[in-house]
Amino acid sequence: MAIQVGDKAPDFELKDNHGATVRLSDFRGRKNVVLLFYPFAFTGVCTGELCALRDNLPRFVNDDTQLLAVSNDSIHTLRVFGEQEGLEYPLLSDFWPHGNTSRAYGVYDEEKGCAVRGTFIIDKEGIVRWTVVNDLPDARDLNEYVKALDTL
């Protein structure tokens, strides 16, 4: 079961597409976080969702908010994907131990070996304030993220 609104967001430590370590706790007290889990780089729906975020980046990466996108791909795959698509926000690798962060958030599909489409908006205190979880083929509505951020 996915983490719910009002829950404290589990901290994590993952490598980004450039090999840098990123922790959720790095943003506590400073920024709201849009934490987005997606199945795999280079797939149609995932690429569409992540490029839509790229095209609206000032709404999701600014003085008040940080976007973090997590998949179960390796950092090497994410580096190439990010460069190819011009993604200028952290792409975090939940590759090894495989899916640990996805499991902590309740969005790991054991049968398929990847995260489903889960999004968590986490406030500056580390509390989940909004969430949506979609099945693998179902894209999320970017406008819903914007509405949720506007309430913080």
C-alpha atoms as a PDB file:
ATOM      1  CA  MET A   1       0.000   0.000   0.000  1.00  0.00           C
ATOM      2  CA  ALA A   2       1.311   3.434  -0.969  1.00  0.00           C
ATOM      3  CA  ILE A   3       2.246   6.104   1.561  1.00  0.00           C
ATOM      4  CA  GLN A   4      -0.806   8.240   2.377  1.00  0.00           C
ATOM      5  CA  VAL A   5      -1.486  11.958   2.815  1.00  0.00           C
ATOM      6  CA  GLY A   6      -0.453  12.975   6.316  1.00  0.00           C
ATOM      7  CA  ASP A   7       2.290  10.321   6.578  1.00  0.00           C
ATOM      8  CA  LYS A   8       5.892  11.270   7.177  1.00  0.00           C
ATOM      9  CA  ALA A   9       7.744  10.650   3.905  1.00  0.00           C
ATOM     10  CA  PRO A  10      10.418   7.954   4.260  1.00  0.00           C
ATOM     11  CA  ASP A  11      13.896   9.377   3.856  1.00  0.00           C
ATOM     12  CA  PHE A  12      16.119   7.877   1.188  1.00  0.00           C
ATOM     13  CA  GLU A  13      19.601   8.183  -0.244  1.00  0.00           C
ATOM     14  CA  LEU A  14      19.909   7.594  -3.993  1.00  0.00           C
ATOM     15  CA  LYS A  15      22.402   8.437  -6.733  1.00  0.00           C
ATOM     16  CA  ASP A  16      21.284  10.769  -9.493  1.00  0.00           C
ATOM     17  CA  ASN A  17      22.033  10.524 -13.203  1.00  0.00           C
ATOM     18  CA  HIS A  18      25.396  12.245 -12.597  1.00  0.00           C
ATOM     19  CA  GLY A  19      26.430  10.025  -9.681  1.00  0.00           C
ATOM     20  CA  ALA A  20      25.702  12.586  -6.956  1.00  0.00           C
ATOM     21  CA  THR A  21      24.019  11.443  -3.756  1.00  0.00           C
ATOM     22  CA  VAL A  22      20.559  12.903  -3.131  1.00  0.00           C
ATOM     23  CA  ARG A  23      18.661  12.527   0.133  1.00  0.00           C
ATOM     24  CA  LEU A  24      15.081  13.593   0.752  1.00  0.00           C
ATOM     25  CA  SER A  25      16.242  15.019   4.077  1.00  0.00           C
ATOM     26  CA  ASP A  26      18.522  17.436   2.160  1.00  0.00           C
ATOM     27  CA  PHE A  27      15.386  19.459   1.337  1.00  0.00           C
ATOM     28  CA  ARG A  28      13.752  19.391   4.784  1.00  0.00           C
ATOM     29  CA  GLY A  29      13.080  22.893   6.057  1.00  0.00           C
ATOM     30  CA  ARG A  30      14.071  24.392   2.691  1.00  0.00           C
ATOM     31  CA  LYS A  31      11.875  23.129  -0.147  1.00  0.00           C
ATOM     32  CA  ASN A  32       8.717  21.234  -0.935  1.00  0.00           C
ATOM     33  CA  VAL A  33       9.464  18.114  -2.984  1.00  0.00           C
ATOM     34  CA  VAL A  34       7.579  16.622  -5.904  1.00  0.00           C
ATOM     35  CA  LEU A  35       8.686  12.985  -5.741  1.00  0.00           C
ATOM     36  CA  LEU A  36       7.737  11.154  -8.906  1.00  0.00           C
ATOM     37  CA  PHE A  37       8.221   7.416  -9.436  1.00  0.00           C
ATOM     38  CA  TYR A  38       8.111   6.089 -12.993  1.00  0.00           C
ATOM     39  CA  PRO A  39       8.666   2.583 -14.411  1.00  0.00           C
ATOM     40  CA  PHE A  40      11.483   2.906 -16.959  1.00  0.00           C
ATOM     41  CA  ALA A  41      13.460   5.423 -18.971  1.00  0.00           C
ATOM     42  CA  PHE A  42      12.995   5.414 -22.756  1.00  0.00           C
ATOM     43  CA  THR A  43       9.413   4.145 -22.648  1.00  0.00           C
ATOM     44  CA  GLY A  44       6.633   6.113 -24.305  1.00  0.00           C
ATOM     45  CA  VAL A  45       4.431   7.169 -21.391  1.00  0.00           C
ATOM     46  CA  CYS A  46       7.411   7.819 -19.085  1.00  0.00           C
ATOM     47  CA  THR A  47       9.191   9.925 -21.674  1.00  0.00           C
ATOM     48  CA  GLY A  48       6.003  11.909 -22.299  1.00  0.00           C
ATOM     49  CA  GLU A  49       5.456  12.585 -18.602  1.00  0.00           C
ATOM     50  CA  LEU A  50       9.054  13.574 -17.905  1.00  0.00           C
ATOM     51  CA  CYS A  51       9.250  15.824 -20.978  1.00  0.00           C
ATOM     52  CA  ALA A  52       6.010  17.555 -19.938  1.00  0.00           C
ATOM     53  CA  LEU A  53       7.666  18.311 -16.601  1.00  0.00           C
ATOM     54  CA  ARG A  54      10.763  19.559 -18.455  1.00  0.00           C
ATOM     55  CA  ASP A  55       8.579  21.871 -20.520  1.00  0.00           C
ATOM     56  CA  ASN A  56       7.012  23.311 -17.340  1.00  0.00           C
ATOM     57  CA  LEU A  57      10.137  23.146 -15.183  1.00  0.00           C
ATOM     58  CA  PRO A  58       9.857  26.554 -13.458  1.00  0.00           C
ATOM     59  CA  ARG A  59       6.679  25.284 -11.741  1.00  0.00           C
ATOM     60  CA  PHE A  60       8.548  22.299 -10.308  1.00  0.00           C
ATOM     61  CA  VAL A  61      12.116  23.483  -9.739  1.00  0.00           C
ATOM     62  CA  ASN A  62      12.356  26.883  -8.085  1.00  0.00           C
ATOM     63  CA  ASP A  63      13.196  28.558  -4.762  1.00  0.00           C
ATOM     64  CA  ASP A  64      10.302  26.769  -3.066  1.00  0.00           C
ATOM     65  CA  THR A  65      10.049  23.388  -4.839  1.00  0.00           C
ATOM     66  CA  GLN A  66      12.316  20.574  -6.047  1.00  0.00           C
ATOM     67  CA  LEU A  67      11.322  17.850  -8.495  1.00  0.00           C
ATOM     68  CA  LEU A  68      12.913  14.417  -8.004  1.00  0.00           C
ATOM     69  CA  ALA A  69      12.149  11.638 -10.499  1.00  0.00           C
ATOM     70  CA  VAL A  70      12.891   8.032  -9.452  1.00  0.00           C
ATOM     71  CA  SER A  71      13.071   4.858 -11.529  1.00  0.00           C
ATOM     72  CA  ASN A  72      14.622   1.439 -11.113  1.00  0.00           C
ATOM     73  CA  ASP A  73      17.042   2.086 -13.988  1.00  0.00           C
ATOM     74  CA  SER A  74      20.818   2.315 -13.454  1.00  0.00           C
ATOM     75  CA  ILE A  75      22.476   5.733 -13.177  1.00  0.00           C
ATOM     76  CA  HIS A  76      24.143   5.084 -16.544  1.00  0.00           C
ATOM     77  CA  THR A  77      20.803   4.543 -18.272  1.00  0.00           C
ATOM     78  CA  LEU A  78      19.396   7.650 -16.569  1.00  0.00           C
ATOM     79  CA  ARG A  79      22.395   9.754 -17.645  1.00  0.00           C
ATOM     80  CA  VAL A  80      21.856   8.892 -21.325  1.00  0.00           C
ATOM     81  CA  PHE A  81      18.076   9.316 -21.013  1.00  0.00           C
ATOM     82  CA  GLY A  82      18.431  12.717 -19.333  1.00  0.00           C
ATOM     83  CA  GLU A  83      20.907  13.951 -21.951  1.00  0.00           C
ATOM     84  CA  GLN A  84      18.818  12.673 -24.859  1.00  0.00           C
ATOM     85  CA  GLU A  85      15.612  14.308 -23.577  1.00  0.00           C
ATOM     86  CA  GLY A  86      17.174  17.474 -22.125  1.00  0.00           C
ATOM     87  CA  LEU A  87      15.977  16.696 -18.604  1.00  0.00           C
ATOM     88  CA  GLU A  88      17.607  19.188 -16.239  1.00  0.00           C
ATOM     89  CA  TYR A  89      16.303  17.868 -12.950  1.00  0.00           C
ATOM     90  CA  PRO A  90      17.565  14.926 -10.881  1.00  0.00           C
ATOM     91  CA  LEU A  91      16.781  11.468 -12.210  1.00  0.00           C
ATOM     92  CA  LEU A  92      17.356   9.162  -9.259  1.00  0.00           C
ATOM     93  CA  SER A  93      18.314   5.511  -9.543  1.00  0.00           C
ATOM     94  CA  ASP A  94      16.530   3.009  -7.289  1.00  0.00           C
ATOM     95  CA  PHE A  95      18.469   0.252  -9.039  1.00  0.00           C
ATOM     96  CA  TRP A  96      20.380  -1.303  -6.145  1.00  0.00           C
ATOM     97  CA  PRO A  97      19.328  -2.536  -3.737  1.00  0.00           C
ATOM     98  CA  HIS A  98      16.703  -2.952  -6.405  1.00  0.00           C
ATOM     99  CA  GLY A  99      13.507  -1.058  -5.635  1.00  0.00           C
ATOM    100  CA  ASN A 100      14.151  -0.340  -1.938  1.00  0.00           C
ATOM    101  CA  THR A 101      12.910   3.255  -2.105  1.00  0.00           C
ATOM    102  CA  SER A 102       9.978   2.325  -4.348  1.00  0.00           C
ATOM    103  CA  ARG A 103       9.019  -0.345  -1.814  1.00  0.00           C
ATOM    104  CA  ALA A 104       9.276   2.154   1.077  1.00  0.00           C
ATOM    105  CA  TYR A 105       6.722   4.334  -0.718  1.00  0.00           C
ATOM    106  CA  GLY A 106       4.505   1.355  -1.594  1.00  0.00           C
ATOM    107  CA  VAL A 107       4.794   1.772  -5.359  1.00  0.00           C
ATOM    108  CA  TYR A 108       7.003  -1.178  -6.334  1.00  0.00           C
ATOM    109  CA  ASP A 109       5.394  -3.854  -8.519  1.00  0.00           C
ATOM    110  CA  GLU A 110       7.106  -7.095  -7.463  1.00  0.00           C
ATOM    111  CA  GLU A 111       5.774  -9.005 -10.456  1.00  0.00           C
ATOM    112  CA  LYS A 112       7.049  -6.526 -13.047  1.00  0.00           C
ATOM    113  CA  GLY A 113      10.222  -5.519 -11.192  1.00  0.00           C
ATOM    114  CA  CYS A 114       9.636  -1.778 -11.391  1.00  0.00           C
ATOM    115  CA  ALA A 115       7.848   1.133  -9.785  1.00  0.00           C
ATOM    116  CA  VAL A 116       4.325   2.036 -10.824  1.00  0.00           C
ATOM    117  CA  ARG A 117       3.455   5.688 -11.498  1.00  0.00           C
ATOM    118  CA  GLY A 118       3.364   7.194  -8.029  1.00  0.00           C
ATOM    119  CA  THR A 119       3.679  10.881  -7.202  1.00  0.00           C
ATOM    120  CA  PHE A 120       4.065  12.330  -3.723  1.00  0.00           C
ATOM    121  CA  ILE A 121       4.095  16.022  -2.885  1.00  0.00           C
ATOM    122  CA  ILE A 122       6.034  16.425   0.332  1.00  0.00           C
ATOM    123  CA  ASP A 123       6.063  19.668   2.310  1.00  0.00           C
ATOM    124  CA  LYS A 124       9.107  21.328   3.853  1.00  0.00           C
ATOM    125  CA  GLU A 125       8.540  19.430   7.090  1.00  0.00           C
ATOM    126  CA  GLY A 126       8.677  16.057   5.328  1.00  0.00           C
ATOM    127  CA  ILE A 127       4.936  15.311   5.432  1.00  0.00           C
ATOM    128  CA  VAL A 128       3.102  13.934   2.387  1.00  0.00           C
ATOM    129  CA  ARG A 129       0.443  16.503   1.432  1.00  0.00           C
ATOM    130  CA  TRP A 130      -0.835  15.016  -1.852  1.00  0.00           C
ATOM    131  CA  THR A 131      -0.418  11.765  -3.724  1.00  0.00           C
ATOM    132  CA  VAL A 132      -1.597   9.889  -6.778  1.00  0.00           C
ATOM    133  CA  VAL A 133      -0.722   6.353  -7.904  1.00  0.00           C
ATOM    134  CA  ASN A 134      -1.531   5.159 -11.421  1.00  0.00           C
ATOM    135  CA  ASP A 135      -1.081   1.813 -13.115  1.00  0.00           C
ATOM    136  CA  LEU A 136       1.818   1.393 -15.542  1.00  0.00           C
ATOM    137  CA  PRO A 137       0.018   2.414 -18.749  1.00  0.00           C
ATOM    138  CA  ASP A 138      -1.832   5.402 -17.244  1.00  0.00           C
ATOM    139  CA  ALA A 139      -0.142   8.819 -17.474  1.00  0.00           C
ATOM    140  CA  ARG A 140      -0.629  11.298 -14.652  1.00  0.00           C
ATOM    141  CA  ASP A 141      -2.194  14.755 -15.031  1.00  0.00           C
ATOM    142  CA  LEU A 142       0.474  17.428 -14.634  1.00  0.00           C
ATOM    143  CA  ASN A 143      -2.162  20.043 -13.790  1.00  0.00           C
ATOM    144  CA  GLU A 144      -3.057  18.117 -10.641  1.00  0.00           C
ATOM    145  CA  TYR A 145       0.538  18.559  -9.382  1.00  0.00           C
ATOM    146  CA  VAL A 146       0.271  22.294  -9.955  1.00  0.00           C
ATOM    147  CA  LYS A 147      -3.013  22.513  -8.030  1.00  0.00           C
ATOM    148  CA  ALA A 148      -1.566  20.514  -5.143  1.00  0.00           C
ATOM    149  CA  LEU A 149       1.567  22.686  -4.972  1.00  0.00           C
ATOM    150  CA  ASP A 150      -0.577  25.818  -4.924  1.00  0.00           C
ATOM    151  CA  THR A 151      -2.159  24.644  -1.657  1.00  0.00           C
ATOM    152  CA  LEU A 152       1.169  24.534   0.202  1.00  0.00           C
END
